[in-house]
C-alpha atoms as a PDB file:
ATOM      1  CA  MET A   1     -12.044   2.592 -17.517  1.00  0.00           C
ATOM      2  CA  LEU A   2     -11.083   6.647 -16.558  1.00  0.00           C
ATOM      3  CA  SER A   3     -12.893   9.176 -18.135  1.00  0.00           C
ATOM      4  CA  ALA A   4     -10.762  11.949 -19.216  1.00  0.00           C
ATOM      5  CA  GLN A   5     -12.142  14.593 -16.844  1.00  0.00           C
ATOM      6  CA  GLN A   6     -11.040  12.450 -13.531  1.00  0.00           C
ATOM      7  CA  ARG A   7      -7.391  12.862 -15.620  1.00  0.00           C
ATOM      8  CA  ILE A   8      -5.513  16.047 -15.210  1.00  0.00           C
ATOM      9  CA  GLU A   9      -1.905  16.940 -16.580  1.00  0.00           C
ATOM     10  CA  MET A  10      -0.085  19.804 -14.369  1.00  0.00           C
ATOM     11  CA  PRO A  11       3.311  21.380 -14.915  1.00  0.00           C
ATOM     12  CA  LEU A  12       5.054  21.788 -12.034  1.00  0.00           C
ATOM     13  CA  TRP A  13       6.274  24.261 -12.870  1.00  0.00           C
ATOM     14  CA  PRO A  14       4.371  26.651 -16.125  1.00  0.00           C
ATOM     15  CA  ASN A  15       6.721  29.293 -15.735  1.00  0.00           C
ATOM     16  CA  GLY A  16       9.748  27.445 -15.796  1.00  0.00           C
ATOM     17  CA  ALA A  17      11.777  25.794 -13.053  1.00  0.00           C
ATOM     18  CA  PRO A  18      13.661  27.897 -10.645  1.00  0.00           C
ATOM     19  CA  ASN A  19      16.936  25.533 -11.672  1.00  0.00           C
ATOM     20  CA  ASP A  20      18.295  23.568 -14.199  1.00  0.00           C
ATOM     21  CA  ASN A  21      20.247  20.083 -14.385  1.00  0.00           C
ATOM     22  CA  GLY A  22      21.839  20.354 -17.041  1.00  0.00           C
ATOM     23  CA  LEU A  23      19.492  18.124 -19.793  1.00  0.00           C
ATOM     24  CA  THR A  24      18.596  19.283 -23.253  1.00  0.00           C
ATOM     25  CA  PRO A  25      15.347  16.933 -24.214  1.00  0.00           C
ATOM     26  CA  LYS A  26      15.825  13.913 -26.775  1.00  0.00           C
ATOM     27  CA  ASP A  27      13.382  11.313 -26.934  1.00  0.00           C
ATOM     28  CA  GLU A  28      10.479  13.125 -25.354  1.00  0.00           C
ATOM     29  CA  ASN A  29       8.043  10.671 -27.105  1.00  0.00           C
ATOM     30  CA  GLY A  30      10.149   7.362 -25.042  1.00  0.00           C
ATOM     31  CA  ASP A  31       8.790   4.629 -24.058  1.00  0.00           C
ATOM     32  CA  ALA A  32       5.620   5.773 -22.248  1.00  0.00           C
ATOM     33  CA  ASN A  33       6.389   3.757 -18.684  1.00  0.00           C
ATOM     34  CA  PHE A  34       9.488   4.903 -18.576  1.00  0.00           C
ATOM     35  CA  LEU A  35      10.721   7.548 -19.340  1.00  0.00           C
ATOM     36  CA  ASN A  36      14.890   7.829 -18.988  1.00  0.00           C
ATOM     37  CA  LEU A  37      17.596  10.805 -18.026  1.00  0.00           C
ATOM     38  CA  VAL A  38      17.007  12.967 -21.519  1.00  0.00           C
ATOM     39  CA  ALA A  39      12.915  11.708 -21.752  1.00  0.00           C
ATOM     40  CA  ASN A  40      12.169  13.736 -18.608  1.00  0.00           C
ATOM     41  CA  THR A  41      13.195  16.979 -18.533  1.00  0.00           C
ATOM     42  CA  SER A  42      10.748  18.455 -17.557  1.00  0.00           C
ATOM     43  CA  ALA A  43       8.289  17.710 -14.610  1.00  0.00           C
ATOM     44  CA  SER A  44       4.556  17.676 -14.089  1.00  0.00           C
ATOM     45  CA  ILE A  45       1.976  15.224 -12.275  1.00  0.00           C
ATOM     46  CA  THR A  46      -0.748  13.997 -13.851  1.00  0.00           C
ATOM     47  CA  VAL A  47      -3.874  13.847 -11.369  1.00  0.00           C
ATOM     48  CA  TYR A  48      -6.619  11.137 -10.358  1.00  0.00           C
ATOM     49  CA  LYS A  49      -9.770  12.479  -8.963  1.00  0.00           C
ATOM     50  CA  ALA A  50     -11.993  10.059  -6.976  1.00  0.00           C
ATOM     51  CA  ASP A  51     -15.694   9.689  -8.023  1.00  0.00           C
ATOM     52  CA  LYS A  52     -16.316   9.620  -4.142  1.00  0.00           C
ATOM     53  CA  PRO A  53     -13.382  11.409  -3.097  1.00  0.00           C
ATOM     54  CA  ASN A  54     -12.732  11.041   1.003  1.00  0.00           C
ATOM     55  CA  GLY A  55     -10.462  14.216   1.167  1.00  0.00           C
ATOM     56  CA  MET A  56      -7.061  11.481   1.275  1.00  0.00           C
ATOM     57  CA  ALA A  57      -4.313  12.854  -1.834  1.00  0.00           C
ATOM     58  CA  ILE A  58      -0.927  10.457  -2.320  1.00  0.00           C
ATOM     59  CA  VAL A  59       1.465  11.736  -4.838  1.00  0.00           C
ATOM     60  CA  MET A  60       3.463   9.419  -6.208  1.00  0.00           C
ATOM     61  CA  CYS A  61       7.250   9.207  -6.814  1.00  0.00           C
ATOM     62  CA  PRO A  62       8.018   5.686  -9.001  1.00  0.00           C
ATOM     63  CA  GLY A  63      11.062   4.955  -8.881  1.00  0.00           C
ATOM     64  CA  GLY A  64      14.252   4.377 -12.015  1.00  0.00           C
ATOM     65  CA  GLY A  65      17.612   5.211  -9.787  1.00  0.00           C
ATOM     66  CA  TYR A  66      16.775   8.977 -10.434  1.00  0.00           C
ATOM     67  CA  TRP A  67      17.945   7.904 -14.380  1.00  0.00           C
ATOM     68  CA  GLY A  68      14.480   7.651 -15.213  1.00  0.00           C
ATOM     69  CA  VAL A  69      10.708   7.417 -13.936  1.00  0.00           C
ATOM     70  CA  ALA A  70       9.032   3.878 -14.288  1.00  0.00           C
ATOM     71  CA  LEU A  71       5.196   5.441 -15.095  1.00  0.00           C
ATOM     72  CA  GLY A  72       3.505   1.997 -14.940  1.00  0.00           C
ATOM     73  CA  HIS A  73       3.103   0.099 -12.137  1.00  0.00           C
ATOM     74  CA  GLU A  74       5.440   2.609 -10.203  1.00  0.00           C
ATOM     75  CA  GLY A  75       3.239   5.182 -10.744  1.00  0.00           C
ATOM     76  CA  HIS A  76      -0.193   5.280 -13.184  1.00  0.00           C
ATOM     77  CA  ASP A  77      -1.453   1.522 -12.401  1.00  0.00           C
ATOM     78  CA  MET A  78      -2.707   2.297  -8.793  1.00  0.00           C
ATOM     79  CA  ALA A  79      -4.913   4.498  -9.950  1.00  0.00           C
ATOM     80  CA  SER A  80      -8.092   2.866  -9.719  1.00  0.00           C
ATOM     81  CA  TRP A  81      -7.551   1.134  -6.689  1.00  0.00           C
ATOM     82  CA  LEU A  82      -6.432   3.803  -4.501  1.00  0.00           C
ATOM     83  CA  ASN A  83      -9.551   5.923  -6.473  1.00  0.00           C
ATOM     84  CA  ALA A  84     -11.691   3.362  -5.894  1.00  0.00           C
ATOM     85  CA  GLN A  85     -10.770   3.835  -2.089  1.00  0.00           C
ATOM     86  CA  GLY A  86     -11.255   7.434  -2.243  1.00  0.00           C
ATOM     87  CA  ILE A  87      -8.529   8.265  -2.567  1.00  0.00           C
ATOM     88  CA  THR A  88      -7.111  11.517  -5.184  1.00  0.00           C
ATOM     89  CA  TYR A  89      -4.134   9.680  -7.502  1.00  0.00           C
ATOM     90  CA  VAL A  90      -1.107  11.924  -7.961  1.00  0.00           C
ATOM     91  CA  VAL A  91       1.289  11.042 -10.009  1.00  0.00           C
ATOM     92  CA  LEU A  92       5.162  12.855 -10.145  1.00  0.00           C
ATOM     93  CA  LYS A  93       7.063  13.188 -12.839  1.00  0.00           C
ATOM     94  CA  TYR A  94       9.909  14.636 -11.652  1.00  0.00           C
ATOM     95  CA  ARG A  95      12.920  16.176 -13.148  1.00  0.00           C
ATOM     96  CA  MET A  96      16.587  13.874 -13.217  1.00  0.00           C
ATOM     97  CA  PRO A  97      18.739  15.867 -10.613  1.00  0.00           C
ATOM     98  CA  ASN A  98      22.357  14.837 -13.443  1.00  0.00           C
ATOM     99  CA  GLY A  99      24.245  15.189  -9.953  1.00  0.00           C
ATOM    100  CA  HIS A 100      21.679  18.489  -9.301  1.00  0.00           C
ATOM    101  CA  HIS A 101      21.132  16.710  -5.908  1.00  0.00           C
ATOM    102  CA  GLU A 102      18.355  19.703  -5.623  1.00  0.00           C
ATOM    103  CA  ILE A 103      16.545  19.363  -8.242  1.00  0.00           C
ATOM    104  CA  PRO A 104      13.817  15.371  -7.633  1.00  0.00           C
ATOM    105  CA  LEU A 105      12.736  17.386  -3.766  1.00  0.00           C
ATOM    106  CA  ASN A 106      12.438  21.035  -4.967  1.00  0.00           C
ATOM    107  CA  ASP A 107      10.102  19.358  -7.352  1.00  0.00           C
ATOM    108  CA  ALA A 108       8.197  16.803  -4.817  1.00  0.00           C
ATOM    109  CA  GLU A 109       7.674  19.941  -2.831  1.00  0.00           C
ATOM    110  CA  GLN A 110       6.217  22.401  -5.411  1.00  0.00           C
ATOM    111  CA  ALA A 111       4.053  19.152  -5.567  1.00  0.00           C
ATOM    112  CA  MET A 112       2.432  18.461  -2.451  1.00  0.00           C
ATOM    113  CA  ARG A 113       1.739  22.890  -2.994  1.00  0.00           C
ATOM    114  CA  LEU A 114       0.019  22.017  -5.901  1.00  0.00           C
ATOM    115  CA  VAL A 115      -1.914  19.602  -4.488  1.00  0.00           C
ATOM    116  CA  ARG A 116      -2.766  21.601  -1.410  1.00  0.00           C
ATOM    117  CA  ALA A 117      -3.468  25.196  -3.476  1.00  0.00           C
ATOM    118  CA  ASN A 118      -6.205  22.998  -5.372  1.00  0.00           C
ATOM    119  CA  ALA A 119      -7.732  20.655  -3.180  1.00  0.00           C
ATOM    120  CA  ALA A 120     -11.078  22.299  -2.764  1.00  0.00           C
ATOM    121  CA  ASP A 121     -11.676  21.877  -6.442  1.00  0.00           C
ATOM    122  CA  TRP A 122     -10.068  18.470  -5.347  1.00  0.00           C
ATOM    123  CA  GLY A 123     -11.959  17.369  -2.629  1.00  0.00           C
ATOM    124  CA  ILE A 124      -8.686  17.315  -0.678  1.00  0.00           C
ATOM    125  CA  ASN A 125      -8.223  18.048   3.494  1.00  0.00           C
ATOM    126  CA  PRO A 126      -4.817  20.005   2.909  1.00  0.00           C
ATOM    127  CA  ARG A 127      -4.640  18.226   5.779  1.00  0.00           C
ATOM    128  CA  ARG A 128      -4.492  14.620   4.502  1.00  0.00           C
ATOM    129  CA  VAL A 129      -2.023  14.950   1.950  1.00  0.00           C
ATOM    130  CA  GLY A 130       0.695  11.787   1.791  1.00  0.00           C
ATOM    131  CA  ILE A 131       4.060  10.770   0.092  1.00  0.00           C
ATOM    132  CA  MET A 132       4.750   7.637  -1.994  1.00  0.00           C
ATOM    133  CA  GLY A 133       8.038   6.531  -3.136  1.00  0.00           C
ATOM    134  CA  ALA A 134       9.188   3.414  -4.620  1.00  0.00           C
ATOM    135  CA  SER A 135      13.087   2.575  -4.999  1.00  0.00           C
ATOM    136  CA  ALA A 136      14.738   5.808  -5.971  1.00  0.00           C
ATOM    137  CA  GLY A 137      11.598   7.247  -5.721  1.00  0.00           C
ATOM    138  CA  GLY A 138      11.295   5.897  -2.174  1.00  0.00           C
ATOM    139  CA  HIS A 139      14.170   8.183  -1.547  1.00  0.00           C
ATOM    140  CA  LEU A 140      12.709  10.970  -2.534  1.00  0.00           C
ATOM    141  CA  ALA A 141       9.956  10.643  -1.085  1.00  0.00           C
ATOM    142  CA  ALA A 142      10.785  10.298   2.633  1.00  0.00           C
ATOM    143  CA  SER A 143      13.726  12.741   1.593  1.00  0.00           C
ATOM    144  CA  LEU A 144      10.631  14.970   0.985  1.00  0.00           C
ATOM    145  CA  ALA A 145       9.059  13.992   4.719  1.00  0.00           C
ATOM    146  CA  THR A 146      12.827  14.623   6.385  1.00  0.00           C
ATOM    147  CA  LEU A 147      13.803  17.616   4.201  1.00  0.00           C
ATOM    148  CA  TYR A 148      11.133  19.030   3.602  1.00  0.00           C
ATOM    149  CA  GLY A 149      11.005  23.017   3.078  1.00  0.00           C
ATOM    150  CA  SER A 150       8.237  24.224   5.447  1.00  0.00           C
ATOM    151  CA  GLN A 151       4.934  23.407   6.791  1.00  0.00           C
ATOM    152  CA  GLU A 152       3.115  23.598   3.227  1.00  0.00           C
ATOM    153  CA  THR A 153       4.797  21.253   1.903  1.00  0.00           C
ATOM    154  CA  LYS A 154       6.154  18.582   5.006  1.00  0.00           C
ATOM    155  CA  PRO A 155       3.247  16.021   4.169  1.00  0.00           C
ATOM    156  CA  ASP A 156       1.120  14.147   6.240  1.00  0.00           C
ATOM    157  CA  PHE A 157       2.137   9.673   6.408  1.00  0.00           C
ATOM    158  CA  GLN A 158       5.028   8.362   4.088  1.00  0.00           C
ATOM    159  CA  ILE A 159       4.662   5.438   1.927  1.00  0.00           C
ATOM    160  CA  LEU A 160       7.281   3.712   0.729  1.00  0.00           C
ATOM    161  CA  PHE A 161       8.162   0.741  -1.482  1.00  0.00           C
ATOM    162  CA  TYR A 162      11.458  -1.600  -1.493  1.00  0.00           C
ATOM    163  CA  PRO A 163      12.796   1.759  -0.956  1.00  0.00           C
ATOM    164  CA  VAL A 164      16.333   3.280  -1.365  1.00  0.00           C
ATOM    165  CA  ILE A 165      17.458   5.083   2.301  1.00  0.00           C
ATOM    166  CA  SER A 166      20.597   5.243   2.858  1.00  0.00           C
ATOM    167  CA  MET A 167      24.023   7.433   0.880  1.00  0.00           C
ATOM    168  CA  ASP A 168      26.171   5.309   2.883  1.00  0.00           C
ATOM    169  CA  ALA A 169      28.461   3.239   0.944  1.00  0.00           C
ATOM    170  CA  ALA A 170      27.699   0.105   2.259  1.00  0.00           C
ATOM    171  CA  ILE A 171      24.242  -0.679   1.907  1.00  0.00           C
ATOM    172  CA  THR A 172      23.244   2.140  -0.761  1.00  0.00           C
ATOM    173  CA  HIS A 173      21.877   1.597  -4.572  1.00  0.00           C
ATOM    174  CA  GLN A 174      25.418   2.819  -5.981  1.00  0.00           C
ATOM    175  CA  GLY A 175      23.945   4.467  -9.302  1.00  0.00           C
ATOM    176  CA  SER A 176      21.139   6.292  -7.121  1.00  0.00           C
ATOM    177  CA  ARG A 177      23.725   8.017  -5.000  1.00  0.00           C
ATOM    178  CA  ASP A 178      25.966   8.288  -8.536  1.00  0.00           C
ATOM    179  CA  ASN A 179      22.860  10.131 -10.594  1.00  0.00           C
ATOM    180  CA  LEU A 180      21.672  12.164  -7.556  1.00  0.00           C
ATOM    181  CA  LEU A 181      25.126  13.157  -6.039  1.00  0.00           C
ATOM    182  CA  GLY A 182      27.318  12.876  -8.839  1.00  0.00           C
ATOM    183  CA  LYS A 183      30.379  10.098  -8.666  1.00  0.00           C
ATOM    184  CA  HIS A 184      32.496  12.469  -5.588  1.00  0.00           C
ATOM    185  CA  PRO A 185      29.763  13.963  -3.041  1.00  0.00           C
ATOM    186  CA  SER A 186      31.201  16.041   0.091  1.00  0.00           C
ATOM    187  CA  GLU A 187      30.600  13.511   3.710  1.00  0.00           C
ATOM    188  CA  GLU A 188      28.812  16.866   4.176  1.00  0.00           C
ATOM    189  CA  LEU A 189      26.308  15.409   1.490  1.00  0.00           C
ATOM    190  CA  VAL A 190      26.105  11.959   2.034  1.00  0.00           C
ATOM    191  CA  ARG A 191      24.521  12.559   5.849  1.00  0.00           C
ATOM    192  CA  ARG A 192      22.251  14.514   4.068  1.00  0.00           C
ATOM    193  CA  TYR A 193      20.543  12.471   2.088  1.00  0.00           C
ATOM    194  CA  SER A 194      21.388   9.341   3.984  1.00  0.00           C
ATOM    195  CA  LEU A 195      17.709   9.380   5.533  1.00  0.00           C
ATOM    196  CA  GLU A 196      17.437   7.759   8.381  1.00  0.00           C
ATOM    197  CA  GLN A 197      20.051  10.270  10.063  1.00  0.00           C
ATOM    198  CA  GLN A 198      17.471  12.633   9.111  1.00  0.00           C
ATOM    199  CA  VAL A 199      14.667  11.272  11.417  1.00  0.00           C
ATOM    200  CA  ASP A 200      13.776  13.573  14.052  1.00  0.00           C
ATOM    201  CA  GLU A 201      10.142  13.502  16.116  1.00  0.00           C
ATOM    202  CA  ASN A 202       8.292  15.301  13.379  1.00  0.00           C
ATOM    203  CA  THR A 203       9.221  12.933  10.670  1.00  0.00           C
ATOM    204  CA  PRO A 204       5.491  12.130  10.168  1.00  0.00           C
ATOM    205  CA  GLN A 205       4.190   8.521   9.924  1.00  0.00           C
ATOM    206  CA  ALA A 206       5.410   5.514   7.744  1.00  0.00           C
ATOM    207  CA  PHE A 207       4.212   2.558   6.396  1.00  0.00           C
ATOM    208  CA  ILE A 208       7.328   0.542   4.346  1.00  0.00           C
ATOM    209  CA  MET A 209       7.258  -2.310   2.155  1.00  0.00           C
ATOM    210  CA  LEU A 210       9.694  -4.379   0.480  1.00  0.00           C
ATOM    211  CA  SER A 211      11.135  -8.407   0.111  1.00  0.00           C
ATOM    212  CA  ALA A 212      13.958  -9.673   2.124  1.00  0.00           C
ATOM    213  CA  ASP A 213      15.721 -11.563  -0.565  1.00  0.00           C
ATOM    214  CA  ASP A 214      16.203  -7.820  -2.337  1.00  0.00           C
ATOM    215  CA  ASP A 215      19.382  -8.090  -4.101  1.00  0.00           C
ATOM    216  CA  ALA A 216      19.531  -4.451  -5.970  1.00  0.00           C
ATOM    217  CA  VAL A 217      18.278  -2.099  -2.574  1.00  0.00           C
ATOM    218  CA  PRO A 218      19.856  -3.905   0.437  1.00  0.00           C
ATOM    219  CA  PRO A 219      17.029  -4.681   2.999  1.00  0.00           C
ATOM    220  CA  ALA A 220      19.527  -3.120   5.583  1.00  0.00           C
ATOM    221  CA  ASN A 221      18.559   0.501   4.185  1.00  0.00           C
ATOM    222  CA  SER A 222      14.634  -0.077   5.102  1.00  0.00           C
ATOM    223  CA  MET A 223      16.373  -1.774   8.769  1.00  0.00           C
ATOM    224  CA  ARG A 224      18.062   1.526   9.634  1.00  0.00           C
ATOM    225  CA  TYR A 225      14.893   4.059   8.598  1.00  0.00           C
ATOM    226  CA  ILE A 226      12.338   1.475  10.461  1.00  0.00           C
ATOM    227  CA  GLN A 227      15.306   1.725  14.153  1.00  0.00           C
ATOM    228  CA  ALA A 228      15.094   5.474  13.624  1.00  0.00           C
ATOM    229  CA  LEU A 229      11.382   6.371  12.701  1.00  0.00           C
ATOM    230  CA  LEU A 230      11.789   4.024  16.766  1.00  0.00           C
ATOM    231  CA  GLU A 231      13.936   6.172  18.345  1.00  0.00           C
ATOM    232  CA  HIS A 232      12.265   9.470  17.903  1.00  0.00           C
ATOM    233  CA  LYS A 233       8.229   7.168  18.263  1.00  0.00           C
ATOM    234  CA  VAL A 234       6.837   8.219  15.198  1.00  0.00           C
ATOM    235  CA  PRO A 235       4.008   5.408  14.150  1.00  0.00           C
ATOM    236  CA  THR A 236       6.015   3.026  12.121  1.00  0.00           C
ATOM    237  CA  SER A 237       4.141   0.054  10.319  1.00  0.00           C
ATOM    238  CA  LEU A 238       6.657  -2.851   8.593  1.00  0.00           C
ATOM    239  CA  HIS A 239       6.024  -5.342   6.130  1.00  0.00           C
ATOM    240  CA  MET A 240       8.867  -7.938   4.602  1.00  0.00           C
ATOM    241  CA  TYR A 241       7.574 -10.706   2.619  1.00  0.00           C
ATOM    242  CA  PRO A 242       9.879 -13.318   1.607  1.00  0.00           C
ATOM    243  CA  THR A 243      10.303 -13.242  -1.080  1.00  0.00           C
ATOM    244  CA  GLY A 244      10.324 -11.073  -4.144  1.00  0.00           C
ATOM    245  CA  GLY A 245      12.861  -9.617  -4.887  1.00  0.00           C
ATOM    246  CA  HIS A 246      12.662  -5.890  -6.123  1.00  0.00           C
ATOM    247  CA  GLY A 247      10.773  -3.168  -8.567  1.00  0.00           C
ATOM    248  CA  TRP A 248       7.359  -5.275  -8.256  1.00  0.00           C
ATOM    249  CA  GLY A 249       5.444  -2.441  -7.903  1.00  0.00           C
ATOM    250  CA  PHE A 250       1.381  -2.751  -8.706  1.00  0.00           C
ATOM    251  CA  ARG A 251       2.290  -5.663 -10.421  1.00  0.00           C
ATOM    252  CA  ASP A 252       0.507  -8.915 -10.723  1.00  0.00           C
ATOM    253  CA  SER A 253       3.991 -11.051 -11.182  1.00  0.00           C
ATOM    254  CA  PHE A 254       4.449 -10.606  -6.964  1.00  0.00           C
ATOM    255  CA  ILE A 255       2.579 -13.748  -5.217  1.00  0.00           C
ATOM    256  CA  TYR A 256       2.227 -11.213  -2.236  1.00  0.00           C
ATOM    257  CA  LYS A 257       0.147  -8.457  -4.150  1.00  0.00           C
ATOM    258  CA  ARG A 258      -2.729  -9.292  -2.488  1.00  0.00           C
ATOM    259  CA  GLN A 259      -1.285  -9.364   1.039  1.00  0.00           C
ATOM    260  CA  TRP A 260       0.334  -5.601   0.418  1.00  0.00           C
ATOM    261  CA  THR A 261      -2.386  -4.022  -1.108  1.00  0.00           C
ATOM    262  CA  GLY A 262      -4.669  -5.418   1.600  1.00  0.00           C
ATOM    263  CA  GLU A 263      -2.533  -4.460   4.618  1.00  0.00           C
ATOM    264  CA  LEU A 264      -2.190  -0.862   3.005  1.00  0.00           C
ATOM    265  CA  GLU A 265      -5.642  -0.192   2.604  1.00  0.00           C
ATOM    266  CA  LYS A 266      -6.340  -1.022   5.892  1.00  0.00           C
ATOM    267  CA  TRP A 267      -3.723   1.099   7.173  1.00  0.00           C
ATOM    268  CA  LEU A 268      -4.934   4.346   5.218  1.00  0.00           C
ATOM    269  CA  ARG A 269      -8.948   3.177   6.147  1.00  0.00           C
ATOM    270  CA  GLU A 270      -7.393   3.121   9.823  1.00  0.00           C
ATOM    271  CA  GLY A 271      -4.284   3.290  11.072  1.00  0.00           C
ATOM    272  CA  ILE A 272      -2.872   6.569  10.037  1.00  0.00           C
ATOM    273  CA  ARG A 273      -2.870   9.257  13.418  1.00  0.00           C
ATOM    274  CA  TRP A 274      -4.747  12.051  12.145  1.00  0.00           C
ATOM    275  CA  GLU A 275      -3.765  15.214  14.162  1.00  0.00           C
END
């Protein structure tokens, strides 16, 4: 059990966010494992410090279709496991876009600033901070990895669970697209948030996992992203499991949990190329 001293709650914007998504809080006491659109109008991070930090930190963006955040199995539930590896783990509760596409990315960038600003106190090497995300949170993580505004907010690596990648209507997750971009986005916005089109040689190295039978977010999302990463010679590790569908996160019910956790542990330990 984690002690209270090891868990730090911190607002992202203590003096007020620089922008507004037009939502008003209605139920801040909703389901703690899944905060929906109206229950999640403020942004924060929860920091789980490792007892024996190895200098690495991971910021996690839970999924939820840009309509909510699945803070349980795609968030807090991974803390003990990652802490045991010496990794400081940070769960990001980001604001919902409600058609204001810049809101989640602004929150992700601010989370990276806060982690690096507190690196010395939290036992973190500021050049070993990665971003992780699941489903729509995977889209947010990959958005940060490709659309970061400065070196201060650029992640050193990215880990994606069954991510939404493209806003191309042929393969996107329609709910995520509608919530992020609105019902009738411009071609320019669709292109900007089709992240397979935003990869370049500076995109951070990637670890990507998914199930081949995912019928919520088509595997073509990950395949297009992988192809772009390979074309730009970005170090990449891909793990596709034959079954499991979508949204398994850290759940024991996913029969390949031992495989993905083992592969990710090995990659975090030995597979990342540090500059």
